[in-house]
Structures are given as C-alpha cells and as structure tokens.
Amino acid sequence: MIVVTSSEIVGKRIVSTLGIVRGNTIRARHIGKDIVAAFKNLIGGEIEEYTKLMAEAREQSLDRMIASAQELGANAIVDVRFSTSYIMGAASEILAYGTAVVVE
C-alpha cells in the first residue's frame, strides 16, 4: 500500500478514486505515566511516555485507515492527513484520513 500526503504519486497514474478512508483511535493517559510526567514537568525536557503514547496512537489510526482502503480494493492512499481532538481530561482522539485510489 502506497500512502502519501501529496495528491499525486510520482511515476504512478491514478486510474480510479474510491473515496475517503479513515482510521481513528482514542487513547487515555495512564496514572503511572502521569506521575512520571509531573516530575519531568518540574525539571523540563521531553516527556517520553507521552511521546510514545502518541506515536502508538498515530500508527494504530494509520493501520486502521489502510485496512479501510484495502477493503475498498485500493492500492494507494493520497492526501493523507492526521487530526487530533480533545475528548476529555485524560483522553484524545487521533484520526488519520485520506483518499483511497487505485494506481498503475
């Protein structure tokens, strides 16, 4: 599966547009990670626990979007974007979306 943020894929021709595809996940913070993050907030620096949490959420939403495109018979997704939204105090949604296409 080819996944790109551009509208075209160099060297490929889009022969069919199958429609929008998306994948999302909602992740909540973990109390243990919050304690570590609170200490790091006092001294500064990257909060690796949250960085890892968000990276895993992005990968899961991307995987779900790809699965959705494969169900439609696509072999590529163009115009891929990520969005995040606040759900509640300790949870956020990551959404990946794009256009499923067939390329040759």
PDB file of N, CA and C in Angstrom:
ATOM      1  N   MET A   1       0.860  -1.181   0.000  1.00  0.00           N
ATOM      2  CA  MET A   1       0.000   0.000   0.000  1.00  0.00           C
ATOM      3  C   MET A   1       0.902   1.238   0.000  1.00  0.00           C
ATOM      4  N   ILE A   2       0.679   2.106  -0.962  1.00  0.00           N
ATOM      5  CA  ILE A   2       1.397   3.376  -1.020  1.00  0.00           C
ATOM      6  C   ILE A   2       0.555   4.402  -0.266  1.00  0.00           C
ATOM      7  N   VAL A   3       1.177   5.109   0.678  1.00  0.00           N
ATOM      8  CA  VAL A   3       0.480   6.116   1.476  1.00  0.00           C
ATOM      9  C   VAL A   3       1.284   7.401   1.406  1.00  0.00           C
ATOM     10  N   VAL A   4       0.675   8.461   0.864  1.00  0.00           N
ATOM     11  CA  VAL A   4       1.384   9.724   0.687  1.00  0.00           C
ATOM     12  C   VAL A   4       0.522  10.905   1.123  1.00  0.00           C
ATOM     13  N   THR A   5       1.191  11.999   1.461  1.00  0.00           N
ATOM     14  CA  THR A   5       0.473  13.217   1.832  1.00  0.00           C
ATOM     15  C   THR A   5       0.175  14.105   0.624  1.00  0.00           C
ATOM     16  N   SER A   6       0.763  13.777  -0.514  1.00  0.00           N
ATOM     17  CA  SER A   6       0.547  14.574  -1.723  1.00  0.00           C
ATOM     18  C   SER A   6      -0.681  14.076  -2.488  1.00  0.00           C
ATOM     19  N   SER A   7      -1.104  14.844  -3.482  1.00  0.00           N
ATOM     20  CA  SER A   7      -2.265  14.478  -4.288  1.00  0.00           C
ATOM     21  C   SER A   7      -1.913  13.526  -5.418  1.00  0.00           C
ATOM     22  N   GLU A   8      -0.619  13.391  -5.704  1.00  0.00           N
ATOM     23  CA  GLU A   8      -0.148  12.528  -6.778  1.00  0.00           C
ATOM     24  C   GLU A   8       0.983  11.656  -6.265  1.00  0.00           C
ATOM     25  N   ILE A   9       1.243  10.574  -6.987  1.00  0.00           N
ATOM     26  CA  ILE A   9       2.372   9.699  -6.674  1.00  0.00           C
ATOM     27  C   ILE A   9       3.274   9.706  -7.900  1.00  0.00           C
ATOM     28  N   VAL A  10       4.479  10.182  -7.729  1.00  0.00           N
ATOM     29  CA  VAL A  10       5.414  10.295  -8.846  1.00  0.00           C
ATOM     30  C   VAL A  10       5.637   8.919  -9.472  1.00  0.00           C
ATOM     31  N   GLY A  11       5.504   8.869 -10.789  1.00  0.00           N
ATOM     32  CA  GLY A  11       5.712   7.628 -11.516  1.00  0.00           C
ATOM     33  C   GLY A  11       4.488   6.729 -11.569  1.00  0.00           C
ATOM     34  N   LYS A  12       3.394   7.145 -10.944  1.00  0.00           N
ATOM     35  CA  LYS A  12       2.154   6.359 -10.943  1.00  0.00           C
ATOM     36  C   LYS A  12       1.026   7.210 -11.512  1.00  0.00           C
ATOM     37  N   ARG A  13       0.027   6.529 -12.052  1.00  0.00           N
ATOM     38  CA  ARG A  13      -1.148   7.212 -12.580  1.00  0.00           C
ATOM     39  C   ARG A  13      -2.370   6.726 -11.815  1.00  0.00           C
ATOM     40  N   ILE A  14      -3.148   7.659 -11.298  1.00  0.00           N
ATOM     41  CA  ILE A  14      -4.384   7.303 -10.595  1.00  0.00           C
ATOM     42  C   ILE A  14      -5.429   6.941 -11.644  1.00  0.00           C
ATOM     43  N   VAL A  15      -5.921   5.702 -11.567  1.00  0.00           N
ATOM     44  CA  VAL A  15      -6.912   5.235 -12.546  1.00  0.00           C
ATOM     45  C   VAL A  15      -8.316   5.178 -11.967  1.00  0.00           C
ATOM     46  N   SER A  16      -8.414   5.202 -10.626  1.00  0.00           N
ATOM     47  CA  SER A  16      -9.733   5.159 -10.000  1.00  0.00           C
ATOM     48  C   SER A  16      -9.659   5.777  -8.606  1.00  0.00           C
ATOM     49  N   THR A  17     -10.645   6.582  -8.297  1.00  0.00           N
ATOM     50  CA  THR A  17     -10.767   7.157  -6.961  1.00  0.00           C
ATOM     51  C   THR A  17     -11.912   6.436  -6.263  1.00  0.00           C
ATOM     52  N   LEU A  18     -11.623   5.853  -5.106  1.00  0.00           N
ATOM     53  CA  LEU A  18     -12.611   5.030  -4.414  1.00  0.00           C
ATOM     54  C   LEU A  18     -13.312   5.745  -3.268  1.00  0.00           C
ATOM     55  N   GLY A  19     -12.766   6.861  -2.831  1.00  0.00           N
ATOM     56  CA  GLY A  19     -13.419   7.637  -1.783  1.00  0.00           C
ATOM     57  C   GLY A  19     -12.564   7.837  -0.551  1.00  0.00           C
ATOM     58  N   ILE A  20     -13.143   8.535   0.390  1.00  0.00           N
ATOM     59  CA  ILE A  20     -12.418   8.868   1.619  1.00  0.00           C
ATOM     60  C   ILE A  20     -12.315   7.630   2.510  1.00  0.00           C
ATOM     61  N   VAL A  21     -11.157   7.488   3.140  1.00  0.00           N
ATOM     62  CA  VAL A  21     -10.951   6.432   4.128  1.00  0.00           C
ATOM     63  C   VAL A  21     -10.397   7.075   5.386  1.00  0.00           C
ATOM     64  N   ARG A  22     -10.656   6.429   6.502  1.00  0.00           N
ATOM     65  CA  ARG A  22     -10.202   6.990   7.766  1.00  0.00           C
ATOM     66  C   ARG A  22      -9.964   5.877   8.773  1.00  0.00           C
ATOM     67  N   GLY A  23      -9.173   6.201   9.755  1.00  0.00           N
ATOM     68  CA  GLY A  23      -8.934   5.306  10.870  1.00  0.00           C
ATOM     69  C   GLY A  23      -8.699   6.163  12.094  1.00  0.00           C
ATOM     70  N   ASN A  24      -9.225   5.743  13.218  1.00  0.00           N
ATOM     71  CA  ASN A  24      -9.037   6.555  14.420  1.00  0.00           C
ATOM     72  C   ASN A  24      -8.829   5.678  15.642  1.00  0.00           C
ATOM     73  N   THR A  25      -8.343   6.296  16.675  1.00  0.00           N
ATOM     74  CA  THR A  25      -8.211   5.659  17.973  1.00  0.00           C
ATOM     75  C   THR A  25      -8.343   6.742  19.030  1.00  0.00           C
ATOM     76  N   ILE A  26      -8.839   6.347  20.172  1.00  0.00           N
ATOM     77  CA  ILE A  26      -8.920   7.267  21.314  1.00  0.00           C
ATOM     78  C   ILE A  26      -8.078   6.659  22.418  1.00  0.00           C
ATOM     79  N   ARG A  27      -7.134   7.420  22.893  1.00  0.00           N
ATOM     80  CA  ARG A  27      -6.208   6.932  23.910  1.00  0.00           C
ATOM     81  C   ARG A  27      -6.336   7.766  25.181  1.00  0.00           C
ATOM     82  N   ALA A  28      -6.255   7.066  26.303  1.00  0.00           N
ATOM     83  CA  ALA A  28      -6.283   7.724  27.607  1.00  0.00           C
ATOM     84  C   ALA A  28      -4.899   7.634  28.231  1.00  0.00           C
ATOM     85  N   ARG A  29      -4.579   8.610  29.034  1.00  0.00           N
ATOM     86  CA  ARG A  29      -3.307   8.597  29.752  1.00  0.00           C
ATOM     87  C   ARG A  29      -3.369   7.566  30.865  1.00  0.00           C
ATOM     88  N   HIS A  30      -2.213   7.163  31.321  1.00  0.00           N
ATOM     89  CA  HIS A  30      -2.074   6.167  32.384  1.00  0.00           C
ATOM     90  C   HIS A  30      -1.591   6.883  33.642  1.00  0.00           C
ATOM     91  N   ILE A  31      -2.164   6.556  34.796  1.00  0.00           N
ATOM     92  CA  ILE A  31      -1.827   7.249  36.042  1.00  0.00           C
ATOM     93  C   ILE A  31      -0.334   7.165  36.354  1.00  0.00           C
ATOM     94  N   GLY A  32       0.292   6.025  36.096  1.00  0.00           N
ATOM     95  CA  GLY A  32       1.731   5.886  36.340  1.00  0.00           C
ATOM     96  C   GLY A  32       2.539   6.822  35.462  1.00  0.00           C
ATOM     97  N   LYS A  33       2.124   6.950  34.204  1.00  0.00           N
ATOM     98  CA  LYS A  33       2.814   7.854  33.288  1.00  0.00           C
ATOM     99  C   LYS A  33       2.592   9.304  33.683  1.00  0.00           C
ATOM    100  N   ASP A  34       1.414   9.591  34.231  1.00  0.00           N
ATOM    101  CA  ASP A  34       1.133  10.952  34.688  1.00  0.00           C
ATOM    102  C   ASP A  34       2.065  11.358  35.826  1.00  0.00           C
ATOM    103  N   ILE A  35       2.381  10.423  36.704  1.00  0.00           N
ATOM    104  CA  ILE A  35       3.283  10.730  37.826  1.00  0.00           C
ATOM    105  C   ILE A  35       4.668  11.053  37.291  1.00  0.00           C
ATOM    106  N   VAL A  36       5.166  10.225  36.371  1.00  0.00           N
ATOM    107  CA  VAL A  36       6.483  10.479  35.760  1.00  0.00           C
ATOM    108  C   VAL A  36       6.458  11.819  35.024  1.00  0.00           C
ATOM    109  N   ALA A  37       5.381  12.076  34.292  1.00  0.00           N
ATOM    110  CA  ALA A  37       5.264  13.331  33.546  1.00  0.00           C
ATOM    111  C   ALA A  37       5.258  14.540  34.476  1.00  0.00           C
ATOM    112  N   ALA A  38       4.623  14.406  35.626  1.00  0.00           N
ATOM    113  CA  ALA A  38       4.590  15.517  36.579  1.00  0.00           C
ATOM    114  C   ALA A  38       5.992  15.860  37.067  1.00  0.00           C
ATOM    115  N   PHE A  39       6.801  14.850  37.333  1.00  0.00           N
ATOM    116  CA  PHE A  39       8.188  15.100  37.748  1.00  0.00           C
ATOM    117  C   PHE A  39       8.985  15.753  36.624  1.00  0.00           C
ATOM    118  N   LYS A  40       8.806  15.270  35.401  1.00  0.00           N
ATOM    119  CA  LYS A  40       9.529  15.846  34.264  1.00  0.00           C
ATOM    120  C   LYS A  40       9.072  17.272  33.998  1.00  0.00           C
ATOM    121  N   ASN A  41       7.831  17.560  34.299  1.00  0.00           N
ATOM    122  CA  ASN A  41       7.310  18.909  34.109  1.00  0.00           C
ATOM    123  C   ASN A  41       8.026  19.889  35.037  1.00  0.00           C
ATOM    124  N   LEU A  42       8.435  19.417  36.192  1.00  0.00           N
ATOM    125  CA  LEU A  42       9.156  20.269  37.143  1.00  0.00           C
ATOM    126  C   LEU A  42      10.572  20.592  36.682  1.00  0.00           C
ATOM    127  N   ILE A  43      11.238  19.599  36.072  1.00  0.00           N
ATOM    128  CA  ILE A  43      12.636  19.811  35.679  1.00  0.00           C
ATOM    129  C   ILE A  43      12.803  20.134  34.202  1.00  0.00           C
ATOM    130  N   GLY A  44      11.758  19.938  33.418  1.00  0.00           N
ATOM    131  CA  GLY A  44      11.813  20.250  31.994  1.00  0.00           C
ATOM    132  C   GLY A  44      12.251  19.057  31.160  1.00  0.00           C
ATOM    133  N   GLY A  45      12.129  19.199  29.856  1.00  0.00           N
ATOM    134  CA  GLY A  45      12.533  18.155  28.934  1.00  0.00           C
ATOM    135  C   GLY A  45      11.351  17.419  28.330  1.00  0.00           C
ATOM    136  N   GLU A  46      11.692  16.521  27.430  1.00  0.00           N
ATOM    137  CA  GLU A  46      10.673  15.743  26.730  1.00  0.00           C
ATOM    138  C   GLU A  46      10.037  14.717  27.669  1.00  0.00           C
ATOM    139  N   ILE A  47       8.748  14.549  27.519  1.00  0.00           N
ATOM    140  CA  ILE A  47       8.029  13.537  28.290  1.00  0.00           C
ATOM    141  C   ILE A  47       7.880  12.328  27.374  1.00  0.00           C
ATOM    142  N   GLU A  48       8.874  11.446  27.429  1.00  0.00           N
ATOM    143  CA  GLU A  48       8.951  10.305  26.509  1.00  0.00           C
ATOM    144  C   GLU A  48       7.737   9.393  26.594  1.00  0.00           C
ATOM    145  N   GLU A  49       7.156   9.263  27.776  1.00  0.00           N
ATOM    146  CA  GLU A  49       5.991   8.401  27.940  1.00  0.00           C
ATOM    147  C   GLU A  49       4.827   8.872  27.064  1.00  0.00           C
ATOM    148  N   TYR A  50       4.611  10.167  27.003  1.00  0.00           N
ATOM    149  CA  TYR A  50       3.534  10.702  26.174  1.00  0.00           C
ATOM    150  C   TYR A  50       3.911  10.675  24.697  1.00  0.00           C
ATOM    151  N   THR A  51       5.182  10.897  24.394  1.00  0.00           N
ATOM    152  CA  THR A  51       5.637  10.820  23.011  1.00  0.00           C
ATOM    153  C   THR A  51       5.373   9.423  22.461  1.00  0.00           C
ATOM    154  N   LYS A  52       5.702   8.400  23.247  1.00  0.00           N
ATOM    155  CA  LYS A  52       5.474   7.016  22.833  1.00  0.00           C
ATOM    156  C   LYS A  52       3.979   6.731  22.694  1.00  0.00           C
ATOM    157  N   LEU A  53       3.176   7.206  23.632  1.00  0.00           N
ATOM    158  CA  LEU A  53       1.728   7.008  23.579  1.00  0.00           C
ATOM    159  C   LEU A  53       1.141   7.586  22.293  1.00  0.00           C
ATOM    160  N   MET A  54       1.547   8.798  21.940  1.00  0.00           N
ATOM    161  CA  MET A  54       1.011   9.447  20.741  1.00  0.00           C
ATOM    162  C   MET A  54       1.510   8.765  19.469  1.00  0.00           C
ATOM    163  N   ALA A  55       2.762   8.309  19.456  1.00  0.00           N
ATOM    164  CA  ALA A  55       3.300   7.602  18.292  1.00  0.00           C
ATOM    165  C   ALA A  55       2.531   6.302  18.061  1.00  0.00           C
ATOM    166  N   GLU A  56       2.247   5.578  19.127  1.00  0.00           N
ATOM    167  CA  GLU A  56       1.472   4.337  19.010  1.00  0.00           C
ATOM    168  C   GLU A  56       0.055   4.629  18.505  1.00  0.00           C
ATOM    169  N   ALA A  57      -0.537   5.702  18.972  1.00  0.00           N
ATOM    170  CA  ALA A  57      -1.883   6.074  18.533  1.00  0.00           C
ATOM    171  C   ALA A  57      -1.889   6.449  17.053  1.00  0.00           C
ATOM    172  N   ARG A  58      -0.872   7.187  16.600  1.00  0.00           N
ATOM    173  CA  ARG A  58      -0.779   7.533  15.174  1.00  0.00           C
ATOM    174  C   ARG A  58      -0.650   6.277  14.321  1.00  0.00           C
ATOM    175  N   GLU A  59       0.193   5.347  14.740  1.00  0.00           N
ATOM    176  CA  GLU A  59       0.388   4.107  13.975  1.00  0.00           C
ATOM    177  C   GLU A  59      -0.894   3.287  13.916  1.00  0.00           C
ATOM    178  N   GLN A  60      -1.614   3.211  15.028  1.00  0.00           N
ATOM    179  CA  GLN A  60      -2.855   2.446  15.043  1.00  0.00           C
ATOM    180  C   GLN A  60      -3.897   3.079  14.123  1.00  0.00           C
ATOM    181  N   SER A  61      -4.033   4.396  14.155  1.00  0.00           N
ATOM    182  CA  SER A  61      -5.011   5.047  13.288  1.00  0.00           C
ATOM    183  C   SER A  61      -4.612   4.904  11.819  1.00  0.00           C
ATOM    184  N   LEU A  62      -3.311   4.964  11.526  1.00  0.00           N
ATOM    185  CA  LEU A  62      -2.828   4.761  10.164  1.00  0.00           C
ATOM    186  C   LEU A  62      -3.122   3.337   9.693  1.00  0.00           C
ATOM    187  N   ASP A  63      -2.859   2.343  10.543  1.00  0.00           N
ATOM    188  CA  ASP A  63      -3.148   0.948  10.206  1.00  0.00           C
ATOM    189  C   ASP A  63      -4.631   0.745   9.922  1.00  0.00           C
ATOM    190  N   ARG A  64      -5.483   1.358  10.704  1.00  0.00           N
ATOM    191  CA  ARG A  64      -6.927   1.226  10.508  1.00  0.00           C
ATOM    192  C   ARG A  64      -7.374   1.885   9.208  1.00  0.00           C
ATOM    193  N   MET A  65      -6.772   3.017   8.863  1.00  0.00           N
ATOM    194  CA  MET A  65      -7.094   3.686   7.604  1.00  0.00           C
ATOM    195  C   MET A  65      -6.681   2.810   6.425  1.00  0.00           C
ATOM    196  N   ILE A  66      -5.495   2.217   6.498  1.00  0.00           N
ATOM    197  CA  ILE A  66      -5.009   1.340   5.428  1.00  0.00           C
ATOM    198  C   ILE A  66      -5.933   0.135   5.274  1.00  0.00           C
ATOM    199  N   ALA A  67      -6.366  -0.459   6.375  1.00  0.00           N
ATOM    200  CA  ALA A  67      -7.285  -1.597   6.318  1.00  0.00           C
ATOM    201  C   ALA A  67      -8.598  -1.201   5.632  1.00  0.00           C
ATOM    202  N   SER A  68      -9.074   0.001   5.919  1.00  0.00           N
ATOM    203  CA  SER A  68     -10.300   0.501   5.303  1.00  0.00           C
ATOM    204  C   SER A  68     -10.119   0.645   3.791  1.00  0.00           C
ATOM    205  N   ALA A  69      -8.956   1.149   3.376  1.00  0.00           N
ATOM    206  CA  ALA A  69      -8.670   1.313   1.943  1.00  0.00           C
ATOM    207  C   ALA A  69      -8.564  -0.042   1.251  1.00  0.00           C
ATOM    208  N   GLN A  70      -7.942  -1.012   1.903  1.00  0.00           N
ATOM    209  CA  GLN A  70      -7.810  -2.351   1.326  1.00  0.00           C
ATOM    210  C   GLN A  70      -9.176  -3.005   1.138  1.00  0.00           C
ATOM    211  N   GLU A  71     -10.091  -2.763   2.052  1.00  0.00           N
ATOM    212  CA  GLU A  71     -11.452  -3.299   1.920  1.00  0.00           C
ATOM    213  C   GLU A  71     -12.148  -2.767   0.673  1.00  0.00           C
ATOM    214  N   LEU A  72     -11.781  -1.538   0.275  1.00  0.00           N
ATOM    215  CA  LEU A  72     -12.366  -0.945  -0.934  1.00  0.00           C
ATOM    216  C   LEU A  72     -11.665  -1.399  -2.207  1.00  0.00           C
ATOM    217  N   GLY A  73     -10.526  -2.072  -2.065  1.00  0.00           N
ATOM    218  CA  GLY A  73      -9.759  -2.513  -3.231  1.00  0.00           C
ATOM    219  C   GLY A  73      -8.696  -1.537  -3.667  1.00  0.00           C
ATOM    220  N   ALA A  74      -8.357  -0.589  -2.826  1.00  0.00           N
ATOM    221  CA  ALA A  74      -7.337   0.409  -3.163  1.00  0.00           C
ATOM    222  C   ALA A  74      -5.932  -0.180  -3.025  1.00  0.00           C
ATOM    223  N   ASN A  75      -4.994   0.387  -3.780  1.00  0.00           N
ATOM    224  CA  ASN A  75      -3.598   0.030  -3.600  1.00  0.00           C
ATOM    225  C   ASN A  75      -2.756   1.247  -3.210  1.00  0.00           C
ATOM    226  N   ALA A  76      -3.450   2.375  -2.958  1.00  0.00           N
ATOM    227  CA  ALA A  76      -2.763   3.588  -2.519  1.00  0.00           C
ATOM    228  C   ALA A  76      -3.752   4.518  -1.817  1.00  0.00           C
ATOM    229  N   ILE A  77      -3.198   5.410  -1.006  1.00  0.00           N
ATOM    230  CA  ILE A  77      -3.992   6.456  -0.357  1.00  0.00           C
ATOM    231  C   ILE A  77      -3.237   7.759  -0.559  1.00  0.00           C
ATOM    232  N   VAL A  78      -3.927   8.754  -1.090  1.00  0.00           N
ATOM    233  CA  VAL A  78      -3.321  10.064  -1.315  1.00  0.00           C
ATOM    234  C   VAL A  78      -3.958  11.096  -0.386  1.00  0.00           C
ATOM    235  N   ASP A  79      -3.305  12.240  -0.299  1.00  0.00           N
ATOM    236  CA  ASP A  79      -3.787  13.361   0.520  1.00  0.00           C
ATOM    237  C   ASP A  79      -4.007  12.962   1.986  1.00  0.00           C
ATOM    238  N   VAL A  80      -3.101  12.173   2.543  1.00  0.00           N
ATOM    239  CA  VAL A  80      -3.235  11.700   3.922  1.00  0.00           C
ATOM    240  C   VAL A  80      -2.978  12.838   4.904  1.00  0.00           C
ATOM    241  N   ARG A  81      -3.811  12.910   5.900  1.00  0.00           N
ATOM    242  CA  ARG A  81      -3.691  13.915   6.957  1.00  0.00           C
ATOM    243  C   ARG A  81      -3.955  13.253   8.301  1.00  0.00           C
ATOM    244  N   PHE A  82      -3.453  13.897   9.351  1.00  0.00           N
ATOM    245  CA  PHE A  82      -3.732  13.475  10.723  1.00  0.00           C
ATOM    246  C   PHE A  82      -4.422  14.623  11.433  1.00  0.00           C
ATOM    247  N   SER A  83      -5.319  14.272  12.319  1.00  0.00           N
ATOM    248  CA  SER A  83      -6.009  15.262  13.137  1.00  0.00           C
ATOM    249  C   SER A  83      -6.088  14.723  14.554  1.00  0.00           C
ATOM    250  N   THR A  84      -6.073  15.603  15.507  1.00  0.00           N
ATOM    251  CA  THR A  84      -6.233  15.187  16.892  1.00  0.00           C
ATOM    252  C   THR A  84      -7.300  16.056  17.541  1.00  0.00           C
ATOM    253  N   SER A  85      -8.011  15.464  18.466  1.00  0.00           N
ATOM    254  CA  SER A  85      -9.023  16.236  19.177  1.00  0.00           C
ATOM    255  C   SER A  85      -9.077  15.791  20.630  1.00  0.00           C
ATOM    256  N   TYR A  86      -9.437  16.717  21.440  1.00  0.00           N
ATOM    257  CA  TYR A  86      -9.561  16.514  22.879  1.00  0.00           C
ATOM    258  C   TYR A  86     -10.921  15.882  23.138  1.00  0.00           C
ATOM    259  N   ILE A  87     -10.958  14.766  23.843  1.00  0.00           N
ATOM    260  CA  ILE A  87     -12.217  14.091  24.155  1.00  0.00           C
ATOM    261  C   ILE A  87     -12.654  14.421  25.576  1.00  0.00           C
ATOM    262  N   MET A  88     -11.723  14.248  26.518  1.00  0.00           N
ATOM    263  CA  MET A  88     -11.976  14.562  27.918  1.00  0.00           C
ATOM    264  C   MET A  88     -10.631  14.816  28.582  1.00  0.00           C
ATOM    265  N   GLY A  89     -10.626  15.083  29.857  1.00  0.00           N
ATOM    266  CA  GLY A  89      -9.405  15.454  30.560  1.00  0.00           C
ATOM    267  C   GLY A  89      -8.199  14.582  30.324  1.00  0.00           C
ATOM    268  N   ALA A  90      -8.399  13.276  30.191  1.00  0.00           N
ATOM    269  CA  ALA A  90      -7.249  12.380  30.072  1.00  0.00           C
ATOM    270  C   ALA A  90      -7.270  11.566  28.780  1.00  0.00           C
ATOM    271  N   ALA A  91      -8.070  11.971  27.789  1.00  0.00           N
ATOM    272  CA  ALA A  91      -8.159  11.194  26.555  1.00  0.00           C
ATOM    273  C   ALA A  91      -8.183  12.097  25.331  1.00  0.00           C
ATOM    274  N   SER A  92      -7.537  11.603  24.267  1.00  0.00           N
ATOM    275  CA  SER A  92      -7.506  12.318  22.994  1.00  0.00           C
ATOM    276  C   SER A  92      -7.748  11.347  21.855  1.00  0.00           C
ATOM    277  N   GLU A  93      -8.295  11.873  20.764  1.00  0.00           N
ATOM    278  CA  GLU A  93      -8.509  11.073  19.564  1.00  0.00           C
ATOM    279  C   GLU A  93      -7.459  11.439  18.529  1.00  0.00           C
ATOM    280  N   ILE A  94      -6.934  10.440  17.847  1.00  0.00           N
ATOM    281  CA  ILE A  94      -6.081  10.644  16.682  1.00  0.00           C
ATOM    282  C   ILE A  94      -6.848  10.090  15.492  1.00  0.00           C
ATOM    283  N   LEU A  95      -6.980  10.884  14.447  1.00  0.00           N
ATOM    284  CA  LEU A  95      -7.694  10.489  13.247  1.00  0.00           C
ATOM    285  C   LEU A  95      -6.746  10.615  12.065  1.00  0.00           C
ATOM    286  N   ALA A  96      -6.652   9.547  11.274  1.00  0.00           N
ATOM    287  CA  ALA A  96      -5.909   9.576  10.015  1.00  0.00           C
ATOM    288  C   ALA A  96      -6.951   9.478   8.899  1.00  0.00           C
ATOM    289  N   TYR A  97      -6.814  10.303   7.857  1.00  0.00           N
ATOM    290  CA  TYR A  97      -7.765  10.240   6.763  1.00  0.00           C
ATOM    291  C   TYR A  97      -7.101  10.594   5.440  1.00  0.00           C
ATOM    292  N   GLY A  98      -7.674  10.106   4.369  1.00  0.00           N
ATOM    293  CA  GLY A  98      -7.131  10.355   3.043  1.00  0.00           C
ATOM    294  C   GLY A  98      -8.099   9.843   1.986  1.00  0.00           C
ATOM    295  N   THR A  99      -7.633   9.826   0.734  1.00  0.00           N
ATOM    296  CA  THR A  99      -8.450   9.373  -0.379  1.00  0.00           C
ATOM    297  C   THR A  99      -7.890   8.063  -0.906  1.00  0.00           C
ATOM    298  N   ALA A 100      -8.718   7.019  -0.898  1.00  0.00           N
ATOM    299  CA  ALA A 100      -8.321   5.715  -1.411  1.00  0.00           C
ATOM    300  C   ALA A 100      -8.373   5.744  -2.940  1.00  0.00           C
ATOM    301  N   VAL A 101      -7.312   5.257  -3.566  1.00  0.00           N
ATOM    302  CA  VAL A 101      -7.231   5.259  -5.023  1.00  0.00           C
ATOM    303  C   VAL A 101      -6.619   3.950  -5.511  1.00  0.00           C
ATOM    304  N   VAL A 102      -6.788   3.723  -6.809  1.00  0.00           N
ATOM    305  CA  VAL A 102      -6.094   2.640  -7.487  1.00  0.00           C
ATOM    306  C   VAL A 102      -5.106   3.294  -8.439  1.00  0.00           C
ATOM    307  N   VAL A 103      -3.845   2.883  -8.342  1.00  0.00           N
ATOM    308  CA  VAL A 103      -2.807   3.432  -9.214  1.00  0.00           C
ATOM    309  C   VAL A 103      -2.182   2.327 -10.040  1.00  0.00           C
ATOM    310  N   GLU A 104      -1.625   2.719 -11.180  1.00  0.00           N
ATOM    311  CA  GLU A 104      -0.867   1.767 -12.001  1.00  0.00           C
ATOM    312  C   GLU A 104       0.403   2.418 -12.486  1.00  0.00           C
TER     313      GLU A 104
END
